[in-house]
């Protein structure tokens, strides 16, 4: 592309910079919103997970997910031990589906 003057070239550069900067700002905003939603979901999960009374520190993300998995498995085991349970639930199949 040929420019008539150095000013025209500078204006074009500013426009390109503004467009790329705007795209980056929008991407940053989307990422902040995504992380905010993820952190809110993890906080809700922390609230409903059973915990010991001596725990006062906030669980990490990975520890929250591990405890949720363990809690689900313990609930499945409890259901399987119930005399009213018709079909046993296999928690190994749930874990296999999770790893896909």
N, C-alpha and C. Protein backbone atom coordinates (compact mmCIF):
# COMPACT_ATOMS: atom_id res chain seq x y z
N UNK A 1 0.85 -1.17 0.00
CA UNK A 1 0.00 0.00 0.00
C UNK A 1 0.90 1.24 0.00
N UNK A 2 0.54 2.20 -0.82
CA UNK A 2 1.32 3.43 -0.92
C UNK A 2 0.57 4.56 -0.22
N UNK A 3 1.29 5.37 0.48
CA UNK A 3 0.70 6.50 1.20
C UNK A 3 1.12 7.80 0.55
N UNK A 4 0.21 8.76 0.54
CA UNK A 4 0.49 10.07 -0.06
C UNK A 4 1.43 10.89 0.81
N UNK A 5 1.35 10.66 2.11
CA UNK A 5 2.19 11.45 3.01
C UNK A 5 2.53 10.63 4.25
N UNK A 6 3.47 11.12 4.98
CA UNK A 6 3.85 10.47 6.23
C UNK A 6 2.72 10.56 7.25
N UNK A 7 1.93 11.64 7.18
CA UNK A 7 0.79 11.78 8.10
C UNK A 7 -0.25 10.69 7.84
N UNK A 8 -0.51 10.41 6.57
CA UNK A 8 -1.46 9.36 6.22
C UNK A 8 -0.96 8.00 6.74
N UNK A 9 0.32 7.77 6.61
CA UNK A 9 0.93 6.54 7.12
C UNK A 9 0.78 6.46 8.64
N UNK A 10 1.05 7.55 9.34
CA UNK A 10 0.92 7.57 10.80
C UNK A 10 -0.52 7.34 11.25
N UNK A 11 -1.48 7.93 10.52
CA UNK A 11 -2.89 7.72 10.84
C UNK A 11 -3.25 6.26 10.67
N UNK A 12 -2.78 5.65 9.59
CA UNK A 12 -3.05 4.22 9.35
C UNK A 12 -2.46 3.36 10.46
N UNK A 13 -1.24 3.68 10.89
CA UNK A 13 -0.62 2.93 11.98
C UNK A 13 -1.41 3.05 13.27
N UNK A 14 -1.88 4.26 13.57
CA UNK A 14 -2.68 4.48 14.78
C UNK A 14 -3.97 3.68 14.73
N UNK A 15 -4.61 3.65 13.56
CA UNK A 15 -5.86 2.89 13.41
C UNK A 15 -5.60 1.40 13.62
N UNK A 16 -4.53 0.88 13.02
CA UNK A 16 -4.20 -0.54 13.20
C UNK A 16 -3.91 -0.83 14.66
N UNK A 17 -3.17 0.06 15.31
CA UNK A 17 -2.85 -0.12 16.73
C UNK A 17 -4.12 -0.09 17.55
N UNK A 18 -5.01 0.85 17.24
CA UNK A 18 -6.25 0.97 17.99
C UNK A 18 -7.11 -0.28 17.83
N UNK A 19 -7.17 -0.82 16.62
CA UNK A 19 -7.96 -2.03 16.38
C UNK A 19 -7.39 -3.20 17.16
N UNK A 20 -6.08 -3.41 17.10
CA UNK A 20 -5.48 -4.54 17.82
C UNK A 20 -5.58 -4.33 19.33
N UNK A 21 -5.43 -3.09 19.78
CA UNK A 21 -5.56 -2.82 21.21
C UNK A 21 -7.00 -3.06 21.66
N UNK A 22 -7.96 -2.65 20.85
CA UNK A 22 -9.37 -2.86 21.16
C UNK A 22 -9.69 -4.35 21.22
N UNK A 23 -9.17 -5.12 20.28
CA UNK A 23 -9.38 -6.57 20.29
C UNK A 23 -8.81 -7.18 21.56
N UNK A 24 -7.63 -6.74 21.95
CA UNK A 24 -6.99 -7.26 23.16
C UNK A 24 -7.81 -6.90 24.40
N UNK A 25 -8.30 -5.66 24.45
CA UNK A 25 -9.12 -5.24 25.59
C UNK A 25 -10.41 -6.06 25.68
N UNK A 26 -11.03 -6.33 24.53
CA UNK A 26 -12.24 -7.16 24.51
C UNK A 26 -11.93 -8.58 24.95
N UNK A 27 -10.82 -9.13 24.47
CA UNK A 27 -10.42 -10.48 24.87
C UNK A 27 -10.13 -10.54 26.36
N UNK A 28 -9.48 -9.52 26.88
CA UNK A 28 -9.20 -9.47 28.33
C UNK A 28 -10.49 -9.41 29.13
N UNK A 29 -11.46 -8.63 28.65
CA UNK A 29 -12.75 -8.53 29.33
C UNK A 29 -13.47 -9.88 29.34
N UNK A 30 -13.45 -10.57 28.19
CA UNK A 30 -14.08 -11.89 28.12
C UNK A 30 -13.40 -12.88 29.07
N UNK A 31 -12.08 -12.84 29.12
CA UNK A 31 -11.34 -13.75 29.99
C UNK A 31 -11.62 -13.45 31.46
N UNK A 32 -11.70 -12.17 31.82
CA UNK A 32 -12.04 -11.82 33.21
C UNK A 32 -13.43 -12.31 33.57
N UNK A 33 -14.38 -12.17 32.65
CA UNK A 33 -15.74 -12.64 32.89
C UNK A 33 -15.77 -14.16 33.03
N UNK A 34 -15.01 -14.84 32.18
CA UNK A 34 -14.95 -16.31 32.26
C UNK A 34 -14.37 -16.76 33.60
N UNK A 35 -13.28 -16.13 34.01
CA UNK A 35 -12.65 -16.50 35.28
C UNK A 35 -13.55 -16.15 36.46
N UNK A 36 -14.28 -15.05 36.36
CA UNK A 36 -15.20 -14.66 37.43
C UNK A 36 -16.31 -15.72 37.56
N UNK A 37 -16.85 -16.16 36.42
CA UNK A 37 -17.90 -17.19 36.44
C UNK A 37 -17.36 -18.50 37.00
N UNK A 38 -16.15 -18.88 36.61
CA UNK A 38 -15.53 -20.10 37.12
C UNK A 38 -15.32 -20.02 38.62
N UNK A 39 -14.78 -18.90 39.09
CA UNK A 39 -14.55 -18.74 40.52
C UNK A 39 -15.85 -18.73 41.31
N UNK A 40 -16.90 -18.13 40.76
CA UNK A 40 -18.21 -18.16 41.43
C UNK A 40 -18.74 -19.58 41.53
N UNK A 41 -18.60 -20.35 40.45
CA UNK A 41 -19.07 -21.74 40.46
C UNK A 41 -18.29 -22.56 41.48
N UNK A 42 -16.98 -22.36 41.55
CA UNK A 42 -16.17 -23.09 42.52
C UNK A 42 -16.53 -22.70 43.95
N UNK A 43 -16.83 -21.43 44.17
CA UNK A 43 -17.23 -20.98 45.51
C UNK A 43 -18.56 -21.61 45.91
N UNK A 44 -19.50 -21.69 44.97
CA UNK A 44 -20.77 -22.36 45.26
C UNK A 44 -20.55 -23.83 45.58
N UNK A 45 -19.64 -24.47 44.88
CA UNK A 45 -19.31 -25.87 45.15
C UNK A 45 -18.69 -26.02 46.53
N UNK A 46 -17.79 -25.10 46.90
CA UNK A 46 -17.17 -25.15 48.23
C UNK A 46 -18.23 -25.04 49.33
N UNK A 47 -19.25 -24.23 49.09
CA UNK A 47 -20.30 -24.02 50.09
C UNK A 47 -21.09 -25.30 50.34
N UNK A 48 -21.40 -26.04 49.28
CA UNK A 48 -22.25 -27.22 49.46
C UNK A 48 -21.48 -28.48 49.82
N UNK A 49 -20.17 -28.48 49.65
CA UNK A 49 -19.39 -29.66 50.02
C UNK A 49 -19.29 -29.77 51.54
N UNK A 50 -19.44 -30.99 52.05
CA UNK A 50 -19.24 -31.14 53.50
C UNK A 50 -17.78 -30.87 53.84
N UNK A 51 -17.56 -30.30 54.98
CA UNK A 51 -16.19 -30.00 55.40
C UNK A 51 -16.08 -30.20 56.91
N UNK A 52 -14.87 -30.39 57.35
CA UNK A 52 -14.66 -30.55 58.78
C UNK A 52 -14.72 -29.19 59.45
N UNK A 53 -15.08 -29.18 60.71
CA UNK A 53 -15.26 -27.93 61.43
C UNK A 53 -13.95 -27.19 61.67
N UNK A 54 -12.82 -27.90 61.57
CA UNK A 54 -11.53 -27.26 61.82
C UNK A 54 -10.97 -26.57 60.58
N UNK A 55 -11.63 -26.71 59.44
CA UNK A 55 -11.14 -26.08 58.21
C UNK A 55 -11.53 -24.62 58.17
N UNK A 56 -10.55 -23.77 58.12
CA UNK A 56 -10.85 -22.34 57.99
C UNK A 56 -10.18 -21.75 56.76
N UNK A 57 -9.32 -22.55 56.10
CA UNK A 57 -8.65 -22.03 54.90
C UNK A 57 -9.48 -22.38 53.66
N UNK A 58 -9.39 -21.51 52.68
CA UNK A 58 -10.11 -21.73 51.43
C UNK A 58 -9.42 -22.83 50.64
N UNK A 59 -10.22 -23.77 50.14
CA UNK A 59 -9.67 -24.86 49.33
C UNK A 59 -9.22 -24.33 47.97
N UNK A 60 -8.16 -24.92 47.44
CA UNK A 60 -7.72 -24.56 46.09
C UNK A 60 -8.74 -25.10 45.09
N UNK A 61 -8.63 -24.66 43.86
CA UNK A 61 -9.55 -25.12 42.82
C UNK A 61 -9.47 -26.63 42.66
N UNK A 62 -8.26 -27.15 42.55
CA UNK A 62 -8.09 -28.58 42.33
C UNK A 62 -8.57 -29.38 43.54
N UNK A 63 -8.31 -28.88 44.74
CA UNK A 63 -8.76 -29.59 45.95
C UNK A 63 -10.28 -29.57 46.05
N UNK A 64 -10.90 -28.48 45.64
CA UNK A 64 -12.36 -28.40 45.62
C UNK A 64 -12.93 -29.46 44.68
N UNK A 65 -12.35 -29.57 43.49
CA UNK A 65 -12.83 -30.55 42.51
C UNK A 65 -12.59 -31.98 42.99
N UNK A 66 -11.44 -32.23 43.61
CA UNK A 66 -11.16 -33.57 44.14
C UNK A 66 -12.15 -33.94 45.24
N UNK A 67 -12.43 -33.00 46.13
CA UNK A 67 -13.38 -33.30 47.21
C UNK A 67 -14.79 -33.49 46.66
N UNK A 68 -15.15 -32.75 45.64
CA UNK A 68 -16.46 -32.94 45.02
C UNK A 68 -16.56 -34.34 44.41
N UNK A 69 -15.51 -34.76 43.71
CA UNK A 69 -15.48 -36.11 43.14
C UNK A 69 -15.60 -37.16 44.23
N UNK A 70 -14.83 -37.01 45.30
CA UNK A 70 -14.87 -37.98 46.40
C UNK A 70 -16.24 -38.00 47.07
N UNK A 71 -16.85 -36.83 47.20
CA UNK A 71 -18.17 -36.75 47.82
C UNK A 71 -19.21 -37.45 46.95
N UNK A 72 -19.14 -37.25 45.65
CA UNK A 72 -20.07 -37.92 44.73
C UNK A 72 -19.90 -39.44 44.82
N UNK A 73 -18.66 -39.89 44.86
CA UNK A 73 -18.40 -41.33 44.98
C UNK A 73 -18.96 -41.87 46.29
N UNK A 74 -18.79 -41.13 47.38
CA UNK A 74 -19.31 -41.60 48.67
C UNK A 74 -20.83 -41.63 48.66
N UNK A 75 -21.47 -40.68 47.98
CA UNK A 75 -22.93 -40.70 47.87
C UNK A 75 -23.40 -41.89 47.04
N UNK A 76 -22.68 -42.21 45.98
CA UNK A 76 -23.02 -43.38 45.17
C UNK A 76 -22.89 -44.65 46.00
N UNK A 77 -21.81 -44.76 46.75
CA UNK A 77 -21.62 -45.93 47.61
C UNK A 77 -22.75 -46.03 48.64
N UNK A 78 -23.15 -44.91 49.19
CA UNK A 78 -24.24 -44.90 50.17
C UNK A 78 -25.54 -45.36 49.52
N UNK A 79 -25.80 -44.89 48.31
CA UNK A 79 -27.00 -45.32 47.59
C UNK A 79 -26.96 -46.82 47.30
N UNK A 80 -25.81 -47.32 46.92
CA UNK A 80 -25.68 -48.74 46.61
C UNK A 80 -25.90 -49.61 47.84
N UNK A 81 -25.59 -49.10 49.02
CA UNK A 81 -25.78 -49.86 50.26
C UNK A 81 -27.21 -49.77 50.77
N UNK A 82 -27.99 -48.88 50.19
CA UNK A 82 -29.37 -48.69 50.64
C UNK A 82 -30.20 -49.92 50.30
N UNK A 83 -31.06 -50.36 51.22
CA UNK A 83 -31.91 -51.52 50.93
C UNK A 83 -32.95 -51.23 49.84
N UNK A 84 -33.19 -49.97 49.56
CA UNK A 84 -34.18 -49.59 48.55
C UNK A 84 -33.57 -49.43 47.16
N UNK A 85 -32.27 -49.66 47.05
CA UNK A 85 -31.60 -49.48 45.77
C UNK A 85 -31.91 -50.66 44.86
N UNK A 86 -32.47 -50.38 43.67
CA UNK A 86 -32.81 -51.42 42.71
C UNK A 86 -31.61 -51.83 41.87
N UNK A 87 -30.91 -50.86 41.34
CA UNK A 87 -29.75 -51.14 40.50
C UNK A 87 -28.53 -50.45 41.10
N UNK A 88 -27.47 -51.20 41.27
CA UNK A 88 -26.25 -50.55 41.78
C UNK A 88 -25.68 -49.58 40.75
N UNK A 89 -25.13 -48.50 41.25
CA UNK A 89 -24.50 -47.50 40.39
C UNK A 89 -23.00 -47.74 40.44
N UNK A 90 -22.38 -47.81 39.28
CA UNK A 90 -20.95 -48.05 39.20
C UNK A 90 -20.23 -46.72 39.09
N UNK A 91 -19.55 -46.31 40.16
CA UNK A 91 -18.86 -45.02 40.11
C UNK A 91 -17.62 -45.06 39.23
N UNK A 92 -17.10 -46.24 38.92
CA UNK A 92 -15.95 -46.32 38.00
C UNK A 92 -16.33 -45.85 36.61
N UNK A 93 -17.56 -46.16 36.18
CA UNK A 93 -17.99 -45.70 34.85
C UNK A 93 -18.14 -44.19 34.83
N UNK A 94 -18.52 -43.60 35.95
CA UNK A 94 -18.62 -42.15 36.03
C UNK A 94 -17.24 -41.52 35.92
N UNK A 95 -16.26 -42.10 36.60
CA UNK A 95 -14.89 -41.58 36.55
C UNK A 95 -14.31 -41.74 35.16
N UNK A 96 -14.61 -42.87 34.48
CA UNK A 96 -14.12 -43.07 33.12
C UNK A 96 -14.70 -42.03 32.18
N UNK A 97 -15.99 -41.72 32.33
CA UNK A 97 -16.61 -40.70 31.50
C UNK A 97 -15.98 -39.34 31.76
N UNK A 98 -15.63 -39.09 33.01
CA UNK A 98 -15.02 -37.81 33.40
C UNK A 98 -13.67 -37.61 32.73
N UNK A 99 -12.92 -38.68 32.55
CA UNK A 99 -11.56 -38.55 32.02
C UNK A 99 -11.53 -38.42 30.50
N UNK A 100 -12.66 -38.56 29.84
CA UNK A 100 -12.70 -38.45 28.37
C UNK A 100 -12.61 -37.04 27.91
